[in-house]
Structures are given as C-alpha cells and as structure tokens.
Amino acid sequence: DGKINPAPSDKFTLETSAEAIAHLKDRKAKGKVVINF
C-alpha cells in the first residue's frame, strides 16, 4: 500500500501533557505521542 503507520512511541496522561510537549520539542519521539484523557 506504500503507507507508513507509526506506532505510538510514548503515552502520557493529561496531567503530564507538558512533559509530552517537551518530549516532542526535544525530538525524542520515535513515533506518535499519545495523551490519554
């Protein structure tokens, strides 16, 4: 099919969403970052 489907690399809670944003900003994510509500 030629599509790439990256798996979630990290999961964060809503309380740690600032850490998730920092994780993205620092380019540490290898896939999608998920924030659970």
Protein backbone atom coordinates (compact mmCIF):
# COMPACT_ATOMS: atom_id res chain seq x y z
CA ASP A 1 0.00 0.00 0.00
CA GLY A 2 3.02 2.28 0.44
CA LYS A 3 1.80 3.94 3.63
CA ILE A 4 3.73 4.29 6.86
CA ASN A 5 1.77 3.72 10.07
CA PRO A 6 3.97 4.74 13.02
CA ALA A 7 3.14 3.06 16.30
CA PRO A 8 2.77 5.14 19.46
CA SER A 9 6.21 5.60 20.98
CA ASP A 10 5.10 7.16 24.26
CA LYS A 11 1.91 7.59 26.26
CA PHE A 12 1.22 10.43 28.69
CA THR A 13 -1.67 11.40 30.92
CA LEU A 14 -3.38 14.76 30.79
CA GLU A 15 -1.53 15.74 33.96
CA THR A 16 1.84 15.10 32.27
CA SER A 17 0.93 16.71 28.96
CA ALA A 18 3.58 19.41 29.45
CA GLU A 19 6.16 16.63 29.60
CA ALA A 20 4.71 15.20 26.37
CA ILE A 21 5.11 18.55 24.62
CA ALA A 22 8.70 18.82 25.86
CA HIS A 23 9.30 15.28 24.59
CA LEU A 24 8.15 16.36 21.13
CA LYS A 25 10.06 19.64 21.27
CA ASP A 26 13.29 17.83 22.18
CA ARG A 27 12.70 15.45 19.24
CA LYS A 28 12.80 12.36 21.47
CA ALA A 29 9.67 10.78 19.99
CA LYS A 30 10.25 7.87 17.61
CA GLY A 31 6.57 7.63 16.66
CA LYS A 32 3.31 9.16 17.74
CA VAL A 33 2.91 10.64 21.20
CA VAL A 34 -0.44 9.84 22.85
CA ILE A 35 -2.09 11.89 25.61
CA ASN A 36 -4.82 9.96 27.45
CA PHE A 37 -7.72 11.99 28.82
